[in-house]
């Protein structure tokens, strides 16, 4: 009886060790996958606050919460099963899908840059006024559509990083990445959209230093949103261009990848700061590739509707 109990305890201990090892594997895989997707996460964090701005303060957090729920549905109902099916039945398609997503990121970033330098036509018709509820519904739907694209890119990048693992580990790692990214992104977004309200509250306190901090937060809000938008655009170019460069390398089209690698290697030879300068050179070169590809795609997408009109 005692020996049977000891054997049972040994089995339980072995199962616990196996579970702990599996958890370590999942955590490591999720960390590896999530690190590669950080550029898209930056863009997601930069883009989303705009969808919750312009509403009354009491509606801002509910809007962010509804977008976050939509993001979780995107990831767990559509993207995670799709990624696993792709990995199981068409692993060769991961790189082309990644490159399509990278090209889209480049297109979006280039379009933002071009629009920033293009004078707006004041003769354009003013859109019809919508009720607050209709506007909220429209904004949330637009945010969830944008999230679907960015989340798809996050999942594709993450899948590429764990493609050599078992299907079970892939599923667990992608689920961890999906949940962590959603909580992280929308937690930061909630903080950003409420920063001005927090600042107003602090500005009404009796202590002078607290009031000064509150006023500073309110004044910093427009600057923060502007910086986030620029960082998001730069991240889209860097990530999208980098995906395209790696994809070309996978297809043995090495002219551009070799040039980027050579630039990074040359910049990385600077004594003392080589790691930093090499990384910056690689990021800059990838962003330039992204800008060129994105500019071409913007030109094509603007020419097609023009030709249809004629």
C-alpha atoms as a PDB file:
ATOM      1  CA  UNK A   1       0.000   0.000   0.000  1.00  0.00           C
ATOM      2  CA  UNK A   2       2.772   2.376   1.022  1.00  0.00           C
ATOM      3  CA  UNK A   3       4.846   1.467  -2.010  1.00  0.00           C
ATOM      4  CA  UNK A   4       1.802   2.086  -4.219  1.00  0.00           C
ATOM      5  CA  UNK A   5       1.333   5.520  -2.667  1.00  0.00           C
ATOM      6  CA  UNK A   6       5.011   6.325  -3.184  1.00  0.00           C
ATOM      7  CA  UNK A   7       4.759   5.264  -6.827  1.00  0.00           C
ATOM      8  CA  UNK A   8       1.652   7.426  -7.245  1.00  0.00           C
ATOM      9  CA  UNK A   9       3.425  10.408  -5.712  1.00  0.00           C
ATOM     10  CA  UNK A  10       6.394   9.786  -8.016  1.00  0.00           C
ATOM     11  CA  UNK A  11       4.020   9.824 -10.995  1.00  0.00           C
ATOM     12  CA  UNK A  12       2.407  13.048  -9.797  1.00  0.00           C
ATOM     13  CA  UNK A  13       5.836  14.622  -9.325  1.00  0.00           C
ATOM     14  CA  UNK A  14       6.873  13.525 -12.824  1.00  0.00           C
ATOM     15  CA  UNK A  15       3.668  14.974 -14.315  1.00  0.00           C
ATOM     16  CA  UNK A  16       4.225  18.218 -12.402  1.00  0.00           C
ATOM     17  CA  UNK A  17       7.795  18.450 -13.722  1.00  0.00           C
ATOM     18  CA  UNK A  18       6.561  17.786 -17.245  1.00  0.00           C
ATOM     19  CA  UNK A  19       3.858  20.454 -16.878  1.00  0.00           C
ATOM     20  CA  UNK A  20       6.399  22.923 -15.532  1.00  0.00           C
ATOM     21  CA  UNK A  21       8.754  22.178 -18.430  1.00  0.00           C
ATOM     22  CA  UNK A  22       5.896  22.611 -20.906  1.00  0.00           C
ATOM     23  CA  UNK A  23       4.954  25.911 -19.266  1.00  0.00           C
ATOM     24  CA  UNK A  24       8.560  27.063 -19.556  1.00  0.00           C
ATOM     25  CA  UNK A  25       8.538  26.048 -23.230  1.00  0.00           C
ATOM     26  CA  UNK A  26       5.294  27.961 -23.837  1.00  0.00           C
ATOM     27  CA  UNK A  27       6.590  31.043 -22.005  1.00  0.00           C
ATOM     28  CA  UNK A  28       9.867  30.985 -23.918  1.00  0.00           C
ATOM     29  CA  UNK A  29       8.085  30.464 -27.235  1.00  0.00           C
ATOM     30  CA  UNK A  30       5.605  33.257 -26.492  1.00  0.00           C
ATOM     31  CA  UNK A  31       8.434  35.605 -25.527  1.00  0.00           C
ATOM     32  CA  UNK A  32      10.333  34.779 -28.699  1.00  0.00           C
ATOM     33  CA  UNK A  33       7.240  35.269 -30.845  1.00  0.00           C
ATOM     34  CA  UNK A  34       6.052  38.434 -29.118  1.00  0.00           C
ATOM     35  CA  UNK A  35       9.428  40.166 -29.364  1.00  0.00           C
ATOM     36  CA  UNK A  36       9.356  40.015 -33.172  1.00  0.00           C
ATOM     37  CA  UNK A  37       5.862  41.536 -33.268  1.00  0.00           C
ATOM     38  CA  UNK A  38       6.717  44.548 -31.096  1.00  0.00           C
ATOM     39  CA  UNK A  39       6.819  46.969 -34.047  1.00  0.00           C
ATOM     40  CA  UNK A  40       3.232  46.154 -35.012  1.00  0.00           C
ATOM     41  CA  UNK A  41       2.203  46.449 -31.349  1.00  0.00           C
ATOM     42  CA  UNK A  42       3.681  49.965 -31.232  1.00  0.00           C
ATOM     43  CA  UNK A  43       1.627  50.898 -34.282  1.00  0.00           C
ATOM     44  CA  UNK A  44      -1.514  49.324 -32.811  1.00  0.00           C
ATOM     45  CA  UNK A  45      -1.004  51.290 -29.591  1.00  0.00           C
ATOM     46  CA  UNK A  46      -0.397  54.488 -31.552  1.00  0.00           C
ATOM     47  CA  UNK A  47      -3.424  54.132 -33.822  1.00  0.00           C
ATOM     48  CA  UNK A  48      -6.139  53.014 -31.389  1.00  0.00           C
ATOM     49  CA  UNK A  49      -6.416  56.090 -29.069  1.00  0.00           C
ATOM     50  CA  UNK A  50      -7.719  58.149 -31.987  1.00  0.00           C
ATOM     51  CA  UNK A  51     -10.843  55.996 -32.142  1.00  0.00           C
ATOM     52  CA  UNK A  52     -11.782  56.849 -28.539  1.00  0.00           C
ATOM     53  CA  UNK A  53     -11.111  60.587 -28.753  1.00  0.00           C
ATOM     54  CA  UNK A  54     -13.855  63.158 -29.285  1.00  0.00           C
ATOM     55  CA  UNK A  55     -16.405  61.490 -27.010  1.00  0.00           C
ATOM     56  CA  UNK A  56     -17.535  62.465 -23.532  1.00  0.00           C
ATOM     57  CA  UNK A  57     -15.134  61.293 -20.785  1.00  0.00           C
ATOM     58  CA  UNK A  58     -17.572  58.704 -19.432  1.00  0.00           C
ATOM     59  CA  UNK A  59     -17.746  56.975 -22.842  1.00  0.00           C
ATOM     60  CA  UNK A  60     -13.986  56.726 -23.474  1.00  0.00           C
ATOM     61  CA  UNK A  61     -13.204  53.650 -21.343  1.00  0.00           C
ATOM     62  CA  UNK A  62     -16.332  51.723 -22.472  1.00  0.00           C
ATOM     63  CA  UNK A  63     -15.303  52.361 -26.087  1.00  0.00           C
ATOM     64  CA  UNK A  64     -11.763  51.087 -25.407  1.00  0.00           C
ATOM     65  CA  UNK A  65     -13.241  48.045 -23.619  1.00  0.00           C
ATOM     66  CA  UNK A  66     -15.514  47.222 -26.586  1.00  0.00           C
ATOM     67  CA  UNK A  67     -12.592  47.533 -29.000  1.00  0.00           C
ATOM     68  CA  UNK A  68     -10.498  45.266 -26.738  1.00  0.00           C
ATOM     69  CA  UNK A  69     -13.266  42.637 -26.706  1.00  0.00           C
ATOM     70  CA  UNK A  70     -13.454  42.873 -30.501  1.00  0.00           C
ATOM     71  CA  UNK A  71      -9.673  42.430 -30.644  1.00  0.00           C
ATOM     72  CA  UNK A  72      -9.861  39.266 -28.535  1.00  0.00           C
ATOM     73  CA  UNK A  73     -12.592  37.896 -30.825  1.00  0.00           C
ATOM     74  CA  UNK A  74     -10.430  38.697 -33.855  1.00  0.00           C
ATOM     75  CA  UNK A  75      -7.488  36.823 -32.385  1.00  0.00           C
ATOM     76  CA  UNK A  76      -9.148  33.794 -30.789  1.00  0.00           C
ATOM     77  CA  UNK A  77     -12.079  33.153 -33.152  1.00  0.00           C
ATOM     78  CA  UNK A  78     -10.502  33.946 -36.524  1.00  0.00           C
ATOM     79  CA  UNK A  79      -6.741  34.467 -36.454  1.00  0.00           C
ATOM     80  CA  UNK A  80      -5.504  31.783 -34.023  1.00  0.00           C
ATOM     81  CA  UNK A  81      -7.400  28.903 -35.712  1.00  0.00           C
ATOM     82  CA  UNK A  82      -6.405  30.256 -39.116  1.00  0.00           C
ATOM     83  CA  UNK A  83      -2.736  30.414 -38.108  1.00  0.00           C
ATOM     84  CA  UNK A  84      -2.788  26.836 -36.805  1.00  0.00           C
ATOM     85  CA  UNK A  85      -4.507  25.555 -39.965  1.00  0.00           C
ATOM     86  CA  UNK A  86      -1.894  27.356 -42.029  1.00  0.00           C
ATOM     87  CA  UNK A  87       0.910  25.830 -39.980  1.00  0.00           C
ATOM     88  CA  UNK A  88      -0.583  22.322 -40.170  1.00  0.00           C
ATOM     89  CA  UNK A  89      -1.589  22.169 -43.825  1.00  0.00           C
ATOM     90  CA  UNK A  90       0.268  24.920 -45.697  1.00  0.00           C
ATOM     91  CA  UNK A  91       3.449  25.928 -43.838  1.00  0.00           C
ATOM     92  CA  UNK A  92       4.944  27.058 -47.157  1.00  0.00           C
ATOM     93  CA  UNK A  93       2.328  29.849 -47.224  1.00  0.00           C
ATOM     94  CA  UNK A  94       3.511  31.511 -43.988  1.00  0.00           C
ATOM     95  CA  UNK A  95       6.218  33.570 -45.716  1.00  0.00           C
ATOM     96  CA  UNK A  96       3.964  34.807 -48.578  1.00  0.00           C
ATOM     97  CA  UNK A  97       1.236  35.720 -46.069  1.00  0.00           C
ATOM     98  CA  UNK A  98       3.798  37.570 -43.966  1.00  0.00           C
ATOM     99  CA  UNK A  99       5.042  39.438 -47.030  1.00  0.00           C
ATOM    100  CA  UNK A 100       1.497  40.435 -48.011  1.00  0.00           C
ATOM    101  CA  UNK A 101       0.951  41.766 -44.510  1.00  0.00           C
ATOM    102  CA  UNK A 102       4.309  43.544 -44.602  1.00  0.00           C
ATOM    103  CA  UNK A 103       3.415  45.140 -47.937  1.00  0.00           C
ATOM    104  CA  UNK A 104       0.123  46.332 -46.458  1.00  0.00           C
ATOM    105  CA  UNK A 105       1.943  47.917 -43.498  1.00  0.00           C
ATOM    106  CA  UNK A 106       4.270  49.696 -45.927  1.00  0.00           C
ATOM    107  CA  UNK A 107       1.281  50.893 -47.954  1.00  0.00           C
ATOM    108  CA  UNK A 108      -0.495  52.258 -44.865  1.00  0.00           C
ATOM    109  CA  UNK A 109       2.630  54.067 -43.633  1.00  0.00           C
ATOM    110  CA  UNK A 110       3.443  55.544 -47.043  1.00  0.00           C
ATOM    111  CA  UNK A 111      -0.146  56.737 -47.467  1.00  0.00           C
ATOM    112  CA  UNK A 112       0.007  58.492 -44.079  1.00  0.00           C
ATOM    113  CA  UNK A 113       3.266  60.206 -45.035  1.00  0.00           C
ATOM    114  CA  UNK A 114       1.954  61.289 -48.433  1.00  0.00           C
ATOM    115  CA  UNK A 115      -1.288  62.595 -46.911  1.00  0.00           C
ATOM    116  CA  UNK A 116       0.716  64.607 -44.365  1.00  0.00           C
ATOM    117  CA  UNK A 117       2.492  66.451 -47.173  1.00  0.00           C
ATOM    118  CA  UNK A 118      -0.527  66.754 -49.492  1.00  0.00           C
ATOM    119  CA  UNK A 119      -2.669  69.914 -49.266  1.00  0.00           C
ATOM    120  CA  UNK A 120      -6.267  69.098 -48.381  1.00  0.00           C
ATOM    121  CA  UNK A 121      -9.006  70.034 -50.819  1.00  0.00           C
ATOM    122  CA  UNK A 122     -11.349  72.379 -48.952  1.00  0.00           C
ATOM    123  CA  UNK A 123     -14.018  71.866 -51.610  1.00  0.00           C
ATOM    124  CA  UNK A 124     -14.561  68.280 -50.460  1.00  0.00           C
ATOM    125  CA  UNK A 125     -18.093  67.628 -49.251  1.00  0.00           C
ATOM    126  CA  UNK A 126     -18.633  67.709 -45.501  1.00  0.00           C
ATOM    127  CA  UNK A 127     -19.840  64.323 -44.220  1.00  0.00           C
ATOM    128  CA  UNK A 128     -23.355  64.097 -42.819  1.00  0.00           C
ATOM    129  CA  UNK A 129     -23.598  64.654 -39.069  1.00  0.00           C
ATOM    130  CA  UNK A 130     -24.158  61.472 -37.079  1.00  0.00           C
ATOM    131  CA  UNK A 131     -25.664  61.011 -33.653  1.00  0.00           C
ATOM    132  CA  UNK A 132     -23.280  60.245 -30.804  1.00  0.00           C
ATOM    133  CA  UNK A 133     -24.419  56.603 -30.658  1.00  0.00           C
ATOM    134  CA  UNK A 134     -24.018  56.178 -34.434  1.00  0.00           C
ATOM    135  CA  UNK A 135     -20.597  57.802 -34.372  1.00  0.00           C
ATOM    136  CA  UNK A 136     -19.521  55.564 -31.474  1.00  0.00           C
ATOM    137  CA  UNK A 137     -20.699  52.445 -33.300  1.00  0.00           C
ATOM    138  CA  UNK A 138     -18.926  53.522 -36.479  1.00  0.00           C
ATOM    139  CA  UNK A 139     -15.670  54.302 -34.650  1.00  0.00           C
ATOM    140  CA  UNK A 140     -15.669  50.979 -32.801  1.00  0.00           C
ATOM    141  CA  UNK A 141     -16.326  49.047 -36.027  1.00  0.00           C
ATOM    142  CA  UNK A 142     -13.474  50.905 -37.762  1.00  0.00           C
ATOM    143  CA  UNK A 143     -11.120  50.241 -34.850  1.00  0.00           C
ATOM    144  CA  UNK A 144     -11.945  46.519 -34.828  1.00  0.00           C
ATOM    145  CA  UNK A 145     -11.359  46.298 -38.603  1.00  0.00           C
ATOM    146  CA  UNK A 146      -7.979  47.993 -38.196  1.00  0.00           C
ATOM    147  CA  UNK A 147      -7.186  45.699 -35.266  1.00  0.00           C
ATOM    148  CA  UNK A 148      -8.011  42.641 -37.393  1.00  0.00           C
ATOM    149  CA  UNK A 149      -5.318  43.623 -39.892  1.00  0.00           C
ATOM    150  CA  UNK A 150      -2.699  44.516 -37.272  1.00  0.00           C
ATOM    151  CA  UNK A 151      -3.531  41.478 -35.131  1.00  0.00           C
ATOM    152  CA  UNK A 152      -3.283  39.275 -38.227  1.00  0.00           C
ATOM    153  CA  UNK A 153       0.219  40.600 -38.790  1.00  0.00           C
ATOM    154  CA  UNK A 154       1.124  40.020 -35.127  1.00  0.00           C
ATOM    155  CA  UNK A 155      -0.103  36.426 -35.304  1.00  0.00           C
ATOM    156  CA  UNK A 156       1.664  35.776 -38.616  1.00  0.00           C
ATOM    157  CA  UNK A 157       4.963  37.148 -37.277  1.00  0.00           C
ATOM    158  CA  UNK A 158       4.550  35.122 -34.093  1.00  0.00           C
ATOM    159  CA  UNK A 159       3.704  31.968 -36.048  1.00  0.00           C
ATOM    160  CA  UNK A 160       6.856  32.332 -38.143  1.00  0.00           C
ATOM    161  CA  UNK A 161       8.922  32.411 -34.939  1.00  0.00           C
ATOM    162  CA  UNK A 162       7.447  29.174 -33.524  1.00  0.00           C
ATOM    163  CA  UNK A 163       6.879  27.298 -36.803  1.00  0.00           C
ATOM    164  CA  UNK A 164       9.459  24.621 -35.874  1.00  0.00           C
ATOM    165  CA  UNK A 165       7.637  23.660 -32.664  1.00  0.00           C
ATOM    166  CA  UNK A 166       4.829  21.162 -32.115  1.00  0.00           C
ATOM    167  CA  UNK A 167       1.285  22.245 -32.969  1.00  0.00           C
ATOM    168  CA  UNK A 168       0.315  22.206 -29.287  1.00  0.00           C
ATOM    169  CA  UNK A 169       3.175  24.521 -28.322  1.00  0.00           C
ATOM    170  CA  UNK A 170       2.365  26.767 -31.263  1.00  0.00           C
ATOM    171  CA  UNK A 171      -1.264  27.042 -30.130  1.00  0.00           C
ATOM    172  CA  UNK A 172      -0.295  27.758 -26.523  1.00  0.00           C
ATOM    173  CA  UNK A 173       2.381  30.305 -27.476  1.00  0.00           C
ATOM    174  CA  UNK A 174       0.073  32.125 -29.906  1.00  0.00           C
ATOM    175  CA  UNK A 175      -2.707  32.198 -27.293  1.00  0.00           C
ATOM    176  CA  UNK A 176      -0.312  33.713 -24.720  1.00  0.00           C
ATOM    177  CA  UNK A 177       0.898  36.277 -27.262  1.00  0.00           C
ATOM    178  CA  UNK A 178      -2.687  37.153 -28.282  1.00  0.00           C
ATOM    179  CA  UNK A 179      -3.838  37.658 -24.687  1.00  0.00           C
ATOM    180  CA  UNK A 180      -0.695  39.507 -23.543  1.00  0.00           C
ATOM    181  CA  UNK A 181      -0.681  41.813 -26.564  1.00  0.00           C
ATOM    182  CA  UNK A 182      -4.365  42.660 -26.171  1.00  0.00           C
ATOM    183  CA  UNK A 183      -4.109  43.369 -22.436  1.00  0.00           C
ATOM    184  CA  UNK A 184      -0.902  45.354 -22.914  1.00  0.00           C
ATOM    185  CA  UNK A 185      -2.053  47.412 -25.893  1.00  0.00           C
ATOM    186  CA  UNK A 186      -5.514  48.296 -24.597  1.00  0.00           C
ATOM    187  CA  UNK A 187      -4.269  48.877 -21.064  1.00  0.00           C
ATOM    188  CA  UNK A 188      -1.865  51.499 -22.425  1.00  0.00           C
ATOM    189  CA  UNK A 189      -4.575  52.891 -24.732  1.00  0.00           C
ATOM    190  CA  UNK A 190      -6.958  53.289 -21.762  1.00  0.00           C
ATOM    191  CA  UNK A 191      -4.251  55.145 -19.851  1.00  0.00           C
ATOM    192  CA  UNK A 192      -3.552  57.423 -22.819  1.00  0.00           C
ATOM    193  CA  UNK A 193      -7.179  58.382 -23.468  1.00  0.00           C
ATOM    194  CA  UNK A 194      -7.737  59.168 -19.759  1.00  0.00           C
ATOM    195  CA  UNK A 195      -4.461  61.044 -19.303  1.00  0.00           C
ATOM    196  CA  UNK A 196      -6.050  64.453 -19.859  1.00  0.00           C
ATOM    197  CA  UNK A 197      -8.866  63.675 -17.393  1.00  0.00           C
ATOM    198  CA  UNK A 198      -6.320  62.532 -14.818  1.00  0.00           C
ATOM    199  CA  UNK A 199      -4.394  65.740 -15.468  1.00  0.00           C
ATOM    200  CA  UNK A 200      -7.510  67.891 -14.981  1.00  0.00           C
ATOM    201  CA  UNK A 201      -8.239  66.103 -11.707  1.00  0.00           C
ATOM    202  CA  UNK A 202      -4.679  66.667 -10.450  1.00  0.00           C
ATOM    203  CA  UNK A 203      -4.750  70.313 -11.558  1.00  0.00           C
ATOM    204  CA  UNK A 204      -7.631  70.927  -9.132  1.00  0.00           C
ATOM    205  CA  UNK A 205      -5.765  69.629  -6.088  1.00  0.00           C
ATOM    206  CA  UNK A 206      -4.508  71.980  -3.372  1.00  0.00           C
ATOM    207  CA  UNK A 207      -0.814  71.083  -3.521  1.00  0.00           C
ATOM    208  CA  UNK A 208       1.090  73.280  -5.983  1.00  0.00           C
ATOM    209  CA  UNK A 209       3.402  70.527  -7.268  1.00  0.00           C
ATOM    210  CA  UNK A 210       0.435  68.227  -7.938  1.00  0.00           C
ATOM    211  CA  UNK A 211      -1.411  71.007  -9.769  1.00  0.00           C
ATOM    212  CA  UNK A 212       1.663  71.667 -11.907  1.00  0.00           C
ATOM    213  CA  UNK A 213       1.925  67.955 -12.740  1.00  0.00           C
ATOM    214  CA  UNK A 214      -1.743  67.873 -13.751  1.00  0.00           C
ATOM    215  CA  UNK A 215      -1.409  70.915 -16.017  1.00  0.00           C
ATOM    216  CA  UNK A 216       1.699  69.380 -17.554  1.00  0.00           C
ATOM    217  CA  UNK A 217      -0.189  66.154 -18.318  1.00  0.00           C
ATOM    218  CA  UNK A 218      -3.004  68.067 -20.030  1.00  0.00           C
ATOM    219  CA  UNK A 219      -0.556  70.108 -22.117  1.00  0.00           C
ATOM    220  CA  UNK A 220       1.474  66.994 -22.991  1.00  0.00           C
ATOM    221  CA  UNK A 221      -1.520  65.084 -24.374  1.00  0.00           C
ATOM    222  CA  UNK A 222      -1.520  66.571 -27.927  1.00  0.00           C
ATOM    223  CA  UNK A 223       2.266  66.195 -28.114  1.00  0.00           C
ATOM    224  CA  UNK A 224       2.062  62.582 -26.942  1.00  0.00           C
ATOM    225  CA  UNK A 225      -0.582  61.706 -29.541  1.00  0.00           C
ATOM    226  CA  UNK A 226       1.476  63.379 -32.279  1.00  0.00           C
ATOM    227  CA  UNK A 227       4.636  61.507 -31.234  1.00  0.00           C
ATOM    228  CA  UNK A 228       2.740  58.215 -31.035  1.00  0.00           C
ATOM    229  CA  UNK A 229       1.379  58.720 -34.552  1.00  0.00           C
ATOM    230  CA  UNK A 230       4.870  59.368 -35.924  1.00  0.00           C
ATOM    231  CA  UNK A 231       6.395  56.446 -34.014  1.00  0.00           C
ATOM    232  CA  UNK A 232       3.583  54.201 -35.251  1.00  0.00           C
ATOM    233  CA  UNK A 233       4.209  55.197 -38.868  1.00  0.00           C
ATOM    234  CA  UNK A 234       7.950  54.629 -38.494  1.00  0.00           C
ATOM    235  CA  UNK A 235       7.293  51.242 -36.885  1.00  0.00           C
ATOM    236  CA  UNK A 236       5.059  50.230 -39.784  1.00  0.00           C
ATOM    237  CA  UNK A 237       7.812  51.051 -42.291  1.00  0.00           C
ATOM    238  CA  UNK A 238      10.502  49.313 -40.255  1.00  0.00           C
ATOM    239  CA  UNK A 239       8.470  46.170 -39.559  1.00  0.00           C
ATOM    240  CA  UNK A 240       6.896  45.974 -43.028  1.00  0.00           C
ATOM    241  CA  UNK A 241      10.193  46.591 -44.797  1.00  0.00           C
ATOM    242  CA  UNK A 242      11.982  44.099 -42.556  1.00  0.00           C
ATOM    243  CA  UNK A 243       9.380  41.427 -43.294  1.00  0.00           C
ATOM    244  CA  UNK A 244       9.800  41.984 -47.031  1.00  0.00           C
ATOM    245  CA  UNK A 245      13.592  41.843 -46.788  1.00  0.00           C
ATOM    246  CA  UNK A 246      13.479  38.554 -44.824  1.00  0.00           C
ATOM    247  CA  UNK A 247      10.896  37.164 -47.232  1.00  0.00           C
ATOM    248  CA  UNK A 248      13.102  37.933 -50.222  1.00  0.00           C
ATOM    249  CA  UNK A 249      15.949  36.127 -48.457  1.00  0.00           C
ATOM    250  CA  UNK A 250      13.732  33.073 -47.882  1.00  0.00           C
ATOM    251  CA  UNK A 251      12.962  33.018 -51.615  1.00  0.00           C
ATOM    252  CA  UNK A 252      16.722  33.303 -52.380  1.00  0.00           C
ATOM    253  CA  UNK A 253      16.325  36.772 -53.915  1.00  0.00           C
ATOM    254  CA  UNK A 254      19.314  38.047 -51.999  1.00  0.00           C
ATOM    255  CA  UNK A 255      20.320  41.318 -53.711  1.00  0.00           C
ATOM    256  CA  UNK A 256      18.379  43.612 -51.344  1.00  0.00           C
ATOM    257  CA  UNK A 257      18.806  41.431 -48.208  1.00  0.00           C
ATOM    258  CA  UNK A 258      22.566  41.283 -48.812  1.00  0.00           C
ATOM    259  CA  UNK A 259      22.718  45.074 -49.226  1.00  0.00           C
ATOM    260  CA  UNK A 260      20.806  45.602 -45.964  1.00  0.00           C
ATOM    261  CA  UNK A 261      23.032  43.087 -44.176  1.00  0.00           C
ATOM    262  CA  UNK A 262      26.174  44.720 -45.554  1.00  0.00           C
ATOM    263  CA  UNK A 263      25.032  48.171 -44.388  1.00  0.00           C
ATOM    264  CA  UNK A 264      24.234  46.783 -40.935  1.00  0.00           C
ATOM    265  CA  UNK A 265      27.596  44.986 -40.762  1.00  0.00           C
ATOM    266  CA  UNK A 266      29.511  48.124 -41.774  1.00  0.00           C
ATOM    267  CA  UNK A 267      27.650  50.289 -39.272  1.00  0.00           C
ATOM    268  CA  UNK A 268      28.099  47.608 -36.625  1.00  0.00           C
ATOM    269  CA  UNK A 269      31.877  47.807 -36.848  1.00  0.00           C
ATOM    270  CA  UNK A 270      31.968  51.137 -34.949  1.00  0.00           C
ATOM    271  CA  UNK A 271      33.971  50.496 -31.745  1.00  0.00           C
ATOM    272  CA  UNK A 272      31.989  50.576 -28.523  1.00  0.00           C
ATOM    273  CA  UNK A 273      28.572  51.294 -30.031  1.00  0.00           C
ATOM    274  CA  UNK A 274      28.579  48.773 -32.868  1.00  0.00           C
ATOM    275  CA  UNK A 275      25.521  46.906 -31.628  1.00  0.00           C
ATOM    276  CA  UNK A 276      23.482  50.114 -31.554  1.00  0.00           C
ATOM    277  CA  UNK A 277      24.697  51.562 -34.855  1.00  0.00           C
ATOM    278  CA  UNK A 278      24.352  48.197 -36.593  1.00  0.00           C
ATOM    279  CA  UNK A 279      20.753  47.840 -35.388  1.00  0.00           C
ATOM    280  CA  UNK A 280      19.927  51.416 -36.395  1.00  0.00           C
ATOM    281  CA  UNK A 281      21.391  50.869 -39.862  1.00  0.00           C
ATOM    282  CA  UNK A 282      19.355  47.689 -40.320  1.00  0.00           C
ATOM    283  CA  UNK A 283      16.155  49.385 -39.128  1.00  0.00           C
ATOM    284  CA  UNK A 284      16.747  52.430 -41.336  1.00  0.00           C
ATOM    285  CA  UNK A 285      17.508  50.332 -44.397  1.00  0.00           C
ATOM    286  CA  UNK A 286      14.397  48.211 -43.796  1.00  0.00           C
ATOM    287  CA  UNK A 287      12.315  51.377 -43.406  1.00  0.00           C
ATOM    288  CA  UNK A 288      13.678  52.749 -46.703  1.00  0.00           C
ATOM    289  CA  UNK A 289      12.711  49.498 -48.444  1.00  0.00           C
ATOM    290  CA  UNK A 290       9.282  49.777 -46.829  1.00  0.00           C
ATOM    291  CA  UNK A 291       8.861  53.377 -47.950  1.00  0.00           C
ATOM    292  CA  UNK A 292       9.778  52.541 -51.552  1.00  0.00           C
ATOM    293  CA  UNK A 293       7.413  49.563 -51.694  1.00  0.00           C
ATOM    294  CA  UNK A 294       4.667  51.492 -49.922  1.00  0.00           C
ATOM    295  CA  UNK A 295       5.061  54.476 -52.245  1.00  0.00           C
ATOM    296  CA  UNK A 296       4.734  52.244 -55.301  1.00  0.00           C
ATOM    297  CA  UNK A 297       1.617  50.573 -53.862  1.00  0.00           C
ATOM    298  CA  UNK A 298       0.034  53.941 -53.023  1.00  0.00           C
ATOM    299  CA  UNK A 299       0.686  55.096 -56.587  1.00  0.00           C
ATOM    300  CA  UNK A 300      -0.870  51.935 -58.004  1.00  0.00           C
ATOM    301  CA  UNK A 301      -3.919  52.122 -55.732  1.00  0.00           C
ATOM    302  CA  UNK A 302      -4.515  55.750 -56.656  1.00  0.00           C
ATOM    303  CA  UNK A 303      -4.051  55.162 -60.378  1.00  0.00           C
ATOM    304  CA  UNK A 304      -6.568  52.253 -60.572  1.00  0.00           C
ATOM    305  CA  UNK A 305      -9.616  54.280 -59.383  1.00  0.00           C
ATOM    306  CA  UNK A 306      -8.571  57.174 -61.632  1.00  0.00           C
ATOM    307  CA  UNK A 307      -8.454  54.910 -64.677  1.00  0.00           C
ATOM    308  CA  UNK A 308     -11.849  53.415 -63.810  1.00  0.00           C
ATOM    309  CA  UNK A 309     -13.402  56.891 -63.792  1.00  0.00           C
ATOM    310  CA  UNK A 310     -12.186  57.477 -67.347  1.00  0.00           C
END
